[in-house]
């Protein structure tokens, strides 16, 4: 979930600040199946003809609960899948 967007447009560039709340789920034998993270995003957009494109994104985590190792477990599973192909 991304909320509370603050948008500033300056010609062909825009900045957007917003807060996020993300829950990641992965069943695993090594701890909690969930990792919830909250924080803020700082986006920079550039206008290209008639559309806006993200040129920069900074994610800043402010808080988290649960099993933060879920991302490492996903990467490990992907590496095992690639090596068995």
N, C-alpha and C. Protein backbone atom coordinates (compact mmCIF):
# COMPACT_ATOMS: atom_id res chain seq x y z
N UNK A 1 0.85 -1.15 0.00
CA UNK A 1 0.00 0.00 0.00
C UNK A 1 0.90 1.23 0.00
N UNK A 2 0.62 2.15 -0.88
CA UNK A 2 1.33 3.42 -0.92
C UNK A 2 0.31 4.53 -0.70
N UNK A 3 0.61 5.45 0.22
CA UNK A 3 -0.39 6.46 0.55
C UNK A 3 0.26 7.82 0.83
N UNK A 4 -0.60 8.81 1.02
CA UNK A 4 -0.22 10.17 1.40
C UNK A 4 0.78 10.78 0.42
N UNK A 5 0.47 10.69 -0.86
CA UNK A 5 1.35 11.21 -1.90
C UNK A 5 1.45 12.74 -1.82
N UNK A 6 2.67 13.24 -1.83
CA UNK A 6 2.93 14.66 -1.90
C UNK A 6 3.69 14.88 -3.21
N UNK A 7 3.06 15.58 -4.15
CA UNK A 7 3.60 15.73 -5.51
C UNK A 7 3.97 17.18 -5.75
N UNK A 8 5.19 17.37 -6.27
CA UNK A 8 5.64 18.70 -6.67
C UNK A 8 6.11 18.60 -8.12
N UNK A 9 5.54 19.45 -8.98
CA UNK A 9 5.91 19.47 -10.39
C UNK A 9 6.66 20.76 -10.69
N UNK A 10 7.80 20.59 -11.35
CA UNK A 10 8.62 21.73 -11.74
C UNK A 10 9.03 21.51 -13.20
N UNK A 11 8.21 22.01 -14.11
CA UNK A 11 8.48 21.86 -15.54
C UNK A 11 8.40 20.40 -15.97
N UNK A 12 9.50 19.87 -16.47
CA UNK A 12 9.54 18.49 -16.98
C UNK A 12 9.98 17.48 -15.92
N UNK A 13 10.07 17.92 -14.66
CA UNK A 13 10.47 17.03 -13.58
C UNK A 13 9.45 17.12 -12.45
N UNK A 14 9.24 15.99 -11.79
CA UNK A 14 8.33 15.96 -10.64
C UNK A 14 8.97 15.12 -9.54
N UNK A 15 8.69 15.49 -8.30
CA UNK A 15 9.09 14.68 -7.17
C UNK A 15 7.83 14.24 -6.44
N UNK A 16 7.87 13.01 -5.94
CA UNK A 16 6.74 12.46 -5.20
C UNK A 16 7.29 11.83 -3.93
N UNK A 17 6.71 12.19 -2.81
CA UNK A 17 7.03 11.58 -1.53
C UNK A 17 5.77 10.84 -1.08
N UNK A 18 5.95 9.62 -0.60
CA UNK A 18 4.80 8.82 -0.18
C UNK A 18 5.25 7.83 0.89
N UNK A 19 4.30 7.34 1.66
CA UNK A 19 4.56 6.32 2.66
C UNK A 19 4.10 4.97 2.13
N UNK A 20 4.76 3.89 2.58
CA UNK A 20 4.35 2.54 2.16
C UNK A 20 4.22 1.61 3.36
N UNK A 21 3.45 0.56 3.14
CA UNK A 21 3.25 -0.52 4.11
C UNK A 21 3.16 -1.78 3.26
N UNK A 22 4.13 -2.69 3.41
CA UNK A 22 4.19 -3.88 2.55
C UNK A 22 4.30 -5.13 3.42
N UNK A 23 3.48 -6.12 3.12
CA UNK A 23 3.56 -7.41 3.80
C UNK A 23 4.01 -8.46 2.79
N UNK A 24 5.09 -9.16 3.11
CA UNK A 24 5.66 -10.21 2.27
C UNK A 24 5.37 -11.54 2.97
N UNK A 25 4.89 -12.52 2.19
CA UNK A 25 4.53 -13.82 2.77
C UNK A 25 5.28 -14.94 2.05
N UNK A 26 5.86 -15.84 2.81
CA UNK A 26 6.53 -17.02 2.25
C UNK A 26 6.53 -18.11 3.31
N UNK A 27 5.84 -19.20 3.02
CA UNK A 27 5.85 -20.33 3.96
C UNK A 27 7.27 -20.90 3.99
N UNK A 28 7.81 -21.08 5.20
CA UNK A 28 9.17 -21.57 5.32
C UNK A 28 9.35 -22.24 6.68
N UNK A 29 10.32 -23.15 6.78
CA UNK A 29 10.55 -23.85 8.05
C UNK A 29 11.46 -23.10 9.01
N UNK A 30 11.87 -21.87 8.67
CA UNK A 30 12.88 -21.16 9.45
C UNK A 30 12.35 -19.99 10.26
N UNK A 31 11.05 -19.89 10.45
CA UNK A 31 10.52 -18.80 11.24
C UNK A 31 9.17 -18.35 10.72
N UNK A 32 8.81 -17.17 11.10
CA UNK A 32 7.53 -16.58 10.71
C UNK A 32 7.37 -16.57 9.20
N UNK A 33 6.16 -16.77 8.72
CA UNK A 33 5.87 -16.75 7.28
C UNK A 33 5.69 -15.34 6.74
N UNK A 34 5.67 -14.34 7.61
CA UNK A 34 5.39 -12.97 7.19
C UNK A 34 6.52 -12.01 7.58
N UNK A 35 6.69 -11.01 6.75
CA UNK A 35 7.58 -9.89 7.04
C UNK A 35 6.84 -8.63 6.60
N UNK A 36 6.58 -7.74 7.52
CA UNK A 36 5.89 -6.49 7.22
C UNK A 36 6.86 -5.35 7.41
N UNK A 37 6.86 -4.46 6.44
CA UNK A 37 7.81 -3.36 6.41
C UNK A 37 7.06 -2.07 6.13
N UNK A 38 7.46 -1.00 6.78
CA UNK A 38 6.86 0.30 6.54
C UNK A 38 7.93 1.35 6.39
N UNK A 39 7.63 2.38 5.60
CA UNK A 39 8.61 3.43 5.41
C UNK A 39 8.13 4.45 4.41
N UNK A 40 9.10 5.03 3.69
CA UNK A 40 8.73 6.08 2.74
C UNK A 40 9.46 5.88 1.42
N UNK A 41 8.85 6.39 0.37
CA UNK A 41 9.43 6.42 -0.97
C UNK A 41 9.67 7.87 -1.36
N UNK A 42 10.78 8.10 -2.04
CA UNK A 42 11.06 9.38 -2.68
C UNK A 42 11.31 9.09 -4.16
N UNK A 43 10.37 9.51 -5.00
CA UNK A 43 10.44 9.29 -6.44
C UNK A 43 10.86 10.58 -7.14
N UNK A 44 11.57 10.44 -8.25
CA UNK A 44 11.77 11.54 -9.19
C UNK A 44 11.25 11.05 -10.54
N UNK A 45 10.44 11.87 -11.18
CA UNK A 45 9.89 11.55 -12.49
C UNK A 45 10.39 12.58 -13.50
N UNK A 46 10.60 12.13 -14.74
CA UNK A 46 10.91 13.03 -15.84
C UNK A 46 9.85 12.85 -16.91
N UNK A 47 9.42 13.96 -17.49
CA UNK A 47 8.41 13.90 -18.54
C UNK A 47 9.09 13.60 -19.87
N UNK A 48 8.59 12.57 -20.55
CA UNK A 48 9.10 12.15 -21.85
C UNK A 48 7.96 12.24 -22.84
N UNK A 49 7.95 13.27 -23.65
CA UNK A 49 6.83 13.55 -24.58
C UNK A 49 5.57 13.76 -23.75
N UNK A 50 4.63 12.81 -23.82
CA UNK A 50 3.37 13.00 -23.11
C UNK A 50 3.23 12.11 -21.87
N UNK A 51 4.29 11.38 -21.50
CA UNK A 51 4.19 10.50 -20.33
C UNK A 51 5.31 10.80 -19.33
N UNK A 52 5.05 10.43 -18.08
CA UNK A 52 6.01 10.59 -17.00
C UNK A 52 6.68 9.25 -16.73
N UNK A 53 8.00 9.26 -16.55
CA UNK A 53 8.74 8.03 -16.28
C UNK A 53 9.59 8.22 -15.02
N UNK A 54 9.67 7.16 -14.23
CA UNK A 54 10.47 7.22 -13.01
C UNK A 54 11.94 7.26 -13.39
N UNK A 55 12.66 8.26 -12.89
CA UNK A 55 14.09 8.36 -13.17
C UNK A 55 14.93 8.02 -11.93
N UNK A 56 14.31 8.06 -10.76
CA UNK A 56 15.03 7.74 -9.53
C UNK A 56 14.02 7.33 -8.46
N UNK A 57 14.41 6.40 -7.61
CA UNK A 57 13.55 5.95 -6.52
C UNK A 57 14.43 5.61 -5.33
N UNK A 58 14.09 6.18 -4.19
CA UNK A 58 14.77 5.85 -2.93
C UNK A 58 13.72 5.32 -1.96
N UNK A 59 13.95 4.12 -1.46
CA UNK A 59 13.07 3.53 -0.45
C UNK A 59 13.79 3.60 0.88
N UNK A 60 13.13 4.15 1.88
CA UNK A 60 13.69 4.22 3.22
C UNK A 60 12.79 3.44 4.17
N UNK A 61 13.30 2.33 4.70
CA UNK A 61 12.54 1.56 5.68
C UNK A 61 12.59 2.28 7.02
N UNK A 62 11.44 2.38 7.66
CA UNK A 62 11.35 3.04 8.96
C UNK A 62 11.07 2.03 10.07
N UNK A 63 10.30 1.01 9.76
CA UNK A 63 9.99 -0.01 10.76
C UNK A 63 9.74 -1.35 10.07
N UNK A 64 9.84 -2.43 10.81
CA UNK A 64 9.56 -3.76 10.28
C UNK A 64 9.24 -4.72 11.40
N UNK A 65 8.45 -5.73 11.07
CA UNK A 65 8.13 -6.80 12.02
C UNK A 65 8.15 -8.13 11.28
N UNK A 66 8.41 -9.20 12.00
CA UNK A 66 8.37 -10.53 11.40
C UNK A 66 9.73 -11.00 10.92
N UNK A 67 9.71 -11.90 9.95
CA UNK A 67 10.89 -12.61 9.48
C UNK A 67 11.53 -11.88 8.30
N UNK A 68 12.52 -11.05 8.58
CA UNK A 68 13.16 -10.29 7.51
C UNK A 68 14.03 -11.17 6.61
N UNK A 69 14.25 -12.41 6.99
CA UNK A 69 15.05 -13.33 6.17
C UNK A 69 14.26 -13.92 5.01
N UNK A 70 12.99 -13.58 4.88
CA UNK A 70 12.17 -14.10 3.79
C UNK A 70 12.80 -13.79 2.43
N UNK A 71 13.34 -12.59 2.25
CA UNK A 71 13.93 -12.24 0.97
C UNK A 71 15.14 -13.12 0.65
N UNK A 72 15.95 -13.41 1.64
CA UNK A 72 17.10 -14.31 1.43
C UNK A 72 16.63 -15.71 1.06
N UNK A 73 15.54 -16.16 1.67
CA UNK A 73 15.01 -17.48 1.35
C UNK A 73 14.49 -17.53 -0.09
N UNK A 74 13.86 -16.46 -0.54
CA UNK A 74 13.38 -16.40 -1.93
C UNK A 74 14.57 -16.49 -2.89
N UNK A 75 15.61 -15.72 -2.64
CA UNK A 75 16.80 -15.74 -3.51
C UNK A 75 17.42 -17.13 -3.52
N UNK A 76 17.52 -17.75 -2.36
CA UNK A 76 18.08 -19.10 -2.27
C UNK A 76 17.26 -20.09 -3.08
N UNK A 77 15.95 -19.99 -3.00
CA UNK A 77 15.08 -20.89 -3.77
C UNK A 77 15.23 -20.66 -5.27
N UNK A 78 15.37 -19.40 -5.69
CA UNK A 78 15.54 -19.10 -7.10
C UNK A 78 16.87 -19.66 -7.61
N UNK A 79 17.93 -19.55 -6.81
CA UNK A 79 19.24 -20.07 -7.21
C UNK A 79 19.20 -21.59 -7.35
N UNK A 80 18.49 -22.27 -6.45
CA UNK A 80 18.36 -23.72 -6.53
C UNK A 80 17.59 -24.12 -7.79
N UNK A 81 16.55 -23.36 -8.12
CA UNK A 81 15.75 -23.64 -9.32
C UNK A 81 16.61 -23.47 -10.57
N UNK A 82 17.40 -22.40 -10.64
CA UNK A 82 18.26 -22.15 -11.80
C UNK A 82 19.32 -23.22 -11.96
N UNK A 83 19.89 -23.69 -10.86
CA UNK A 83 20.97 -24.69 -10.94
C UNK A 83 20.44 -26.07 -11.33
N UNK A 84 19.14 -26.32 -11.13
CA UNK A 84 18.58 -27.62 -11.49
C UNK A 84 18.04 -27.65 -12.92
N UNK A 85 18.08 -26.51 -13.61
CA UNK A 85 17.58 -26.45 -15.00
C UNK A 85 18.59 -27.00 -15.97
